Amino acid sequence: MTAQDVFDRQLAAIAAGDLDALLAQYHPEAVVVRFDRVASGPAEVRGLFAAYLEAKPQVDEVVSVRTSDDVIFYQARMTVGGNRVETYGTLVLRDGLIWRQTAAARPLA
């Protein structure tokens, strides 16, 4: 499995609104860092993504994605909770799962 495969599965889980599929992507020791919140471990990561999926995120366009063996860096345009945003983030993999994630979004004009 490649980093691109992980990214593609991530997009598919978000598109489907499938919390279980999304969480299956994450390492048990995962940490997700955003400007508004840090989620560590399975319970906090579940809470973060449950709230995220409630906002009905839709990936409108993947602007750029770069991968190495264990790092994914992406830029995408999305609609989240009815608002258009540009998102940026990094996914660091361990054992084929997302171990560390950073994510940020800014409103699109």
N, C-alpha and C. Protein backbone atom coordinates (compact mmCIF):
# COMPACT_ATOMS: atom_id res chain seq x y z
N MET A 1 0.84 -1.17 0.00
CA MET A 1 0.00 0.00 0.00
C MET A 1 0.89 1.25 0.00
N THR A 2 0.57 2.19 -0.85
CA THR A 2 1.37 3.41 -0.96
C THR A 2 0.70 4.55 -0.18
N ALA A 3 1.46 5.62 0.01
CA ALA A 3 0.89 6.81 0.64
C ALA A 3 -0.28 7.34 -0.20
N GLN A 4 -0.16 7.26 -1.51
CA GLN A 4 -1.26 7.71 -2.38
C GLN A 4 -2.52 6.87 -2.14
N ASP A 5 -2.34 5.57 -1.91
CA ASP A 5 -3.49 4.71 -1.59
C ASP A 5 -4.18 5.19 -0.31
N VAL A 6 -3.40 5.53 0.70
CA VAL A 6 -3.96 6.02 1.96
C VAL A 6 -4.74 7.30 1.70
N PHE A 7 -4.16 8.22 0.94
CA PHE A 7 -4.83 9.48 0.63
C PHE A 7 -6.13 9.23 -0.13
N ASP A 8 -6.10 8.35 -1.11
CA ASP A 8 -7.31 8.04 -1.88
C ASP A 8 -8.40 7.45 -0.99
N ARG A 9 -8.03 6.57 -0.06
CA ARG A 9 -9.01 6.00 0.87
C ARG A 9 -9.57 7.09 1.79
N GLN A 10 -8.71 8.03 2.18
CA GLN A 10 -9.15 9.13 3.03
C GLN A 10 -10.23 9.95 2.30
N LEU A 11 -9.97 10.29 1.06
CA LEU A 11 -10.94 11.04 0.27
C LEU A 11 -12.25 10.26 0.11
N ALA A 12 -12.15 8.97 -0.14
CA ALA A 12 -13.35 8.14 -0.32
C ALA A 12 -14.17 8.08 0.96
N ALA A 13 -13.52 7.95 2.11
CA ALA A 13 -14.24 7.90 3.39
C ALA A 13 -14.93 9.23 3.67
N ILE A 14 -14.26 10.34 3.37
CA ILE A 14 -14.88 11.65 3.57
C ILE A 14 -16.07 11.80 2.63
N ALA A 15 -15.91 11.45 1.36
CA ALA A 15 -17.00 11.56 0.39
C ALA A 15 -18.21 10.74 0.80
N ALA A 16 -17.96 9.57 1.37
CA ALA A 16 -19.04 8.69 1.79
C ALA A 16 -19.63 9.08 3.16
N GLY A 17 -18.94 9.98 3.87
CA GLY A 17 -19.39 10.32 5.23
C GLY A 17 -19.28 9.13 6.16
N ASP A 18 -18.31 8.26 5.91
CA ASP A 18 -18.18 6.99 6.63
C ASP A 18 -17.17 7.12 7.77
N LEU A 19 -17.67 7.35 8.97
CA LEU A 19 -16.81 7.55 10.13
C LEU A 19 -15.94 6.33 10.40
N ASP A 20 -16.50 5.14 10.33
CA ASP A 20 -15.72 3.93 10.61
C ASP A 20 -14.59 3.75 9.60
N ALA A 21 -14.86 4.00 8.32
CA ALA A 21 -13.82 3.89 7.31
C ALA A 21 -12.74 4.94 7.53
N LEU A 22 -13.15 6.13 7.92
CA LEU A 22 -12.19 7.19 8.19
C LEU A 22 -11.31 6.83 9.37
N LEU A 23 -11.92 6.37 10.44
CA LEU A 23 -11.15 6.02 11.64
C LEU A 23 -10.24 4.82 11.41
N ALA A 24 -10.61 3.93 10.51
CA ALA A 24 -9.76 2.77 10.20
C ALA A 24 -8.44 3.20 9.57
N GLN A 25 -8.36 4.42 9.11
CA GLN A 25 -7.14 4.96 8.52
C GLN A 25 -6.11 5.37 9.58
N TYR A 26 -6.54 5.51 10.83
CA TYR A 26 -5.71 6.12 11.87
C TYR A 26 -5.06 5.10 12.79
N HIS A 27 -3.81 5.33 13.07
CA HIS A 27 -3.01 4.54 14.00
C HIS A 27 -3.59 4.70 15.41
N PRO A 28 -3.52 3.70 16.26
CA PRO A 28 -4.04 3.83 17.64
C PRO A 28 -3.40 4.97 18.43
N GLU A 29 -2.18 5.37 18.05
CA GLU A 29 -1.50 6.47 18.74
C GLU A 29 -1.58 7.77 17.94
N ALA A 30 -2.58 7.91 17.09
CA ALA A 30 -2.70 9.08 16.23
C ALA A 30 -2.90 10.36 17.02
N VAL A 31 -2.34 11.43 16.46
CA VAL A 31 -2.55 12.79 16.97
C VAL A 31 -2.89 13.66 15.77
N VAL A 32 -3.98 14.41 15.89
CA VAL A 32 -4.41 15.34 14.84
C VAL A 32 -4.31 16.75 15.42
N VAL A 33 -3.56 17.62 14.74
CA VAL A 33 -3.34 18.98 15.22
C VAL A 33 -3.97 19.96 14.23
N ARG A 34 -4.91 20.76 14.76
CA ARG A 34 -5.52 21.85 13.99
C ARG A 34 -5.38 23.12 14.83
N PHE A 35 -5.64 24.27 14.24
CA PHE A 35 -5.55 25.51 14.99
C PHE A 35 -6.56 25.56 16.13
N ASP A 36 -7.71 24.95 15.94
CA ASP A 36 -8.77 25.04 16.95
C ASP A 36 -8.78 23.87 17.93
N ARG A 37 -7.96 22.85 17.67
CA ARG A 37 -8.08 21.65 18.50
C ARG A 37 -6.93 20.69 18.25
N VAL A 38 -6.56 19.96 19.29
CA VAL A 38 -5.62 18.85 19.17
C VAL A 38 -6.36 17.61 19.68
N ALA A 39 -6.36 16.55 18.89
CA ALA A 39 -7.01 15.30 19.28
C ALA A 39 -5.95 14.22 19.36
N SER A 40 -5.87 13.54 20.50
CA SER A 40 -4.89 12.47 20.72
C SER A 40 -5.60 11.18 21.10
N GLY A 41 -5.26 10.11 20.44
CA GLY A 41 -5.81 8.81 20.79
C GLY A 41 -7.16 8.56 20.16
N PRO A 42 -7.60 7.32 20.19
CA PRO A 42 -8.82 6.91 19.48
C PRO A 42 -10.08 7.67 19.86
N ALA A 43 -10.31 7.91 21.14
CA ALA A 43 -11.57 8.57 21.55
C ALA A 43 -11.62 10.01 21.06
N GLU A 44 -10.53 10.74 21.23
CA GLU A 44 -10.51 12.14 20.81
C GLU A 44 -10.55 12.27 19.28
N VAL A 45 -9.83 11.40 18.60
CA VAL A 45 -9.85 11.43 17.13
C VAL A 45 -11.26 11.10 16.63
N ARG A 46 -11.92 10.15 17.25
CA ARG A 46 -13.31 9.81 16.88
C ARG A 46 -14.21 11.03 17.07
N GLY A 47 -14.09 11.70 18.20
CA GLY A 47 -14.92 12.88 18.45
C GLY A 47 -14.68 13.98 17.43
N LEU A 48 -13.42 14.21 17.10
CA LEU A 48 -13.08 15.24 16.12
C LEU A 48 -13.71 14.92 14.77
N PHE A 49 -13.55 13.69 14.30
CA PHE A 49 -14.05 13.34 12.98
C PHE A 49 -15.57 13.15 12.96
N ALA A 50 -16.17 12.76 14.06
CA ALA A 50 -17.64 12.69 14.11
C ALA A 50 -18.21 14.09 13.89
N ALA A 51 -17.64 15.09 14.58
CA ALA A 51 -18.10 16.47 14.41
C ALA A 51 -17.82 16.97 12.99
N TYR A 52 -16.65 16.63 12.47
CA TYR A 52 -16.28 17.04 11.11
C TYR A 52 -17.27 16.48 10.09
N LEU A 53 -17.60 15.21 10.18
CA LEU A 53 -18.51 14.61 9.21
C LEU A 53 -19.93 15.14 9.35
N GLU A 54 -20.31 15.59 10.55
CA GLU A 54 -21.63 16.21 10.73
C GLU A 54 -21.77 17.47 9.89
N ALA A 55 -20.64 18.14 9.61
CA ALA A 55 -20.65 19.36 8.79
C ALA A 55 -20.74 19.05 7.30
N LYS A 56 -20.87 17.77 6.95
CA LYS A 56 -21.02 17.32 5.56
C LYS A 56 -19.92 17.85 4.64
N PRO A 57 -18.65 17.56 4.95
CA PRO A 57 -17.57 18.04 4.10
C PRO A 57 -17.63 17.41 2.71
N GLN A 58 -17.30 18.23 1.73
CA GLN A 58 -17.26 17.75 0.35
C GLN A 58 -15.97 18.26 -0.28
N VAL A 59 -15.15 17.36 -0.77
CA VAL A 59 -13.93 17.75 -1.46
C VAL A 59 -14.32 18.17 -2.87
N ASP A 60 -14.13 19.45 -3.17
CA ASP A 60 -14.48 19.98 -4.48
C ASP A 60 -13.34 19.80 -5.47
N GLU A 61 -12.10 19.95 -4.99
CA GLU A 61 -10.93 19.85 -5.87
C GLU A 61 -9.68 19.58 -5.05
N VAL A 62 -8.92 18.58 -5.43
CA VAL A 62 -7.60 18.39 -4.85
C VAL A 62 -6.66 19.22 -5.71
N VAL A 63 -6.13 20.28 -5.13
CA VAL A 63 -5.28 21.21 -5.86
C VAL A 63 -3.89 20.61 -6.06
N SER A 64 -3.37 20.01 -4.99
CA SER A 64 -2.03 19.45 -5.06
C SER A 64 -1.89 18.37 -3.99
N VAL A 65 -1.17 17.33 -4.32
CA VAL A 65 -0.81 16.30 -3.34
C VAL A 65 0.59 15.82 -3.67
N ARG A 66 1.40 15.76 -2.64
CA ARG A 66 2.77 15.26 -2.78
C ARG A 66 2.95 14.16 -1.75
N THR A 67 3.58 13.08 -2.17
CA THR A 67 3.77 11.96 -1.24
C THR A 67 5.22 11.49 -1.28
N SER A 68 5.64 10.94 -0.15
CA SER A 68 6.88 10.17 -0.08
C SER A 68 6.46 8.81 0.46
N ASP A 69 7.38 8.02 0.94
CA ASP A 69 7.01 6.71 1.48
C ASP A 69 6.07 6.82 2.67
N ASP A 70 6.26 7.85 3.50
CA ASP A 70 5.47 7.92 4.73
C ASP A 70 4.90 9.30 5.04
N VAL A 71 4.92 10.22 4.07
CA VAL A 71 4.38 11.56 4.29
C VAL A 71 3.53 11.97 3.10
N ILE A 72 2.38 12.56 3.42
CA ILE A 72 1.48 13.10 2.41
C ILE A 72 1.29 14.58 2.73
N PHE A 73 1.46 15.45 1.75
CA PHE A 73 1.18 16.87 1.91
C PHE A 73 0.13 17.22 0.86
N TYR A 74 -0.95 17.87 1.29
CA TYR A 74 -2.05 18.13 0.37
C TYR A 74 -2.57 19.56 0.48
N GLN A 75 -3.21 19.98 -0.59
CA GLN A 75 -3.96 21.22 -0.65
C GLN A 75 -5.24 20.89 -1.40
N ALA A 76 -6.37 21.31 -0.85
CA ALA A 76 -7.66 21.01 -1.48
C ALA A 76 -8.64 22.15 -1.25
N ARG A 77 -9.60 22.23 -2.12
CA ARG A 77 -10.73 23.16 -1.95
C ARG A 77 -11.94 22.31 -1.58
N MET A 78 -12.63 22.75 -0.54
CA MET A 78 -13.73 21.97 0.01
C MET A 78 -14.91 22.87 0.35
N THR A 79 -16.05 22.22 0.52
CA THR A 79 -17.21 22.87 1.10
C THR A 79 -17.47 22.14 2.42
N VAL A 80 -17.46 22.88 3.52
CA VAL A 80 -17.66 22.31 4.85
C VAL A 80 -18.71 23.15 5.56
N GLY A 81 -19.81 22.52 5.95
CA GLY A 81 -20.87 23.26 6.62
C GLY A 81 -21.40 24.39 5.76
N GLY A 82 -21.39 24.21 4.44
CA GLY A 82 -21.89 25.23 3.53
C GLY A 82 -20.88 26.32 3.20
N ASN A 83 -19.71 26.27 3.78
CA ASN A 83 -18.67 27.28 3.53
C ASN A 83 -17.57 26.71 2.66
N ARG A 84 -17.14 27.51 1.66
CA ARG A 84 -16.03 27.10 0.80
C ARG A 84 -14.72 27.47 1.49
N VAL A 85 -13.81 26.50 1.58
CA VAL A 85 -12.53 26.70 2.24
C VAL A 85 -11.42 26.08 1.41
N GLU A 86 -10.22 26.60 1.62
CA GLU A 86 -9.02 25.97 1.09
C GLU A 86 -8.33 25.31 2.26
N THR A 87 -8.01 24.03 2.11
CA THR A 87 -7.40 23.29 3.19
C THR A 87 -5.99 22.87 2.81
N TYR A 88 -5.16 22.76 3.85
CA TYR A 88 -3.78 22.32 3.71
C TYR A 88 -3.53 21.34 4.84
N GLY A 89 -2.70 20.37 4.59
CA GLY A 89 -2.37 19.47 5.68
C GLY A 89 -1.27 18.50 5.35
N THR A 90 -0.83 17.85 6.39
CA THR A 90 0.20 16.83 6.30
C THR A 90 -0.28 15.59 7.04
N LEU A 91 -0.08 14.44 6.43
CA LEU A 91 -0.36 13.15 7.05
C LEU A 91 0.95 12.39 7.12
N VAL A 92 1.33 11.98 8.31
CA VAL A 92 2.54 11.19 8.50
C VAL A 92 2.09 9.77 8.84
N LEU A 93 2.62 8.80 8.11
CA LEU A 93 2.19 7.41 8.25
C LEU A 93 3.14 6.61 9.12
N ARG A 94 2.55 5.66 9.81
CA ARG A 94 3.31 4.65 10.54
C ARG A 94 2.55 3.34 10.36
N ASP A 95 3.24 2.32 9.93
CA ASP A 95 2.62 1.02 9.69
C ASP A 95 1.43 1.11 8.73
N GLY A 96 1.52 2.01 7.76
CA GLY A 96 0.47 2.15 6.76
C GLY A 96 -0.76 2.90 7.23
N LEU A 97 -0.71 3.46 8.44
CA LEU A 97 -1.83 4.20 9.00
C LEU A 97 -1.41 5.63 9.32
N ILE A 98 -2.38 6.52 9.41
CA ILE A 98 -2.09 7.91 9.73
C ILE A 98 -1.74 7.99 11.21
N TRP A 99 -0.54 8.43 11.48
CA TRP A 99 -0.02 8.51 12.84
C TRP A 99 -0.05 9.95 13.35
N ARG A 100 0.29 10.91 12.48
CA ARG A 100 0.27 12.33 12.81
C ARG A 100 -0.39 13.08 11.66
N GLN A 101 -1.22 14.06 12.00
CA GLN A 101 -1.87 14.86 10.98
C GLN A 101 -1.90 16.31 11.43
N THR A 102 -1.59 17.21 10.50
CA THR A 102 -1.85 18.63 10.71
C THR A 102 -2.86 19.04 9.66
N ALA A 103 -3.72 19.99 10.02
CA ALA A 103 -4.73 20.45 9.07
C ALA A 103 -5.08 21.89 9.38
N ALA A 104 -5.24 22.67 8.32
CA ALA A 104 -5.65 24.06 8.45
C ALA A 104 -6.56 24.40 7.29
N ALA A 105 -7.44 25.36 7.50
CA ALA A 105 -8.35 25.79 6.45
C ALA A 105 -8.50 27.31 6.52
N ARG A 106 -8.68 27.89 5.35
CA ARG A 106 -8.96 29.32 5.29
C ARG A 106 -10.14 29.53 4.34
N PRO A 107 -10.97 30.49 4.65
CA PRO A 107 -12.13 30.74 3.78
C PRO A 107 -11.72 31.15 2.37
N LEU A 108 -12.48 30.71 1.40
CA LEU A 108 -12.29 31.16 0.02
C LEU A 108 -13.21 32.33 -0.24
N ALA A 109 -12.72 33.29 -0.98
CA ALA A 109 -13.55 34.48 -1.31
C ALA A 109 -14.62 34.14 -2.29
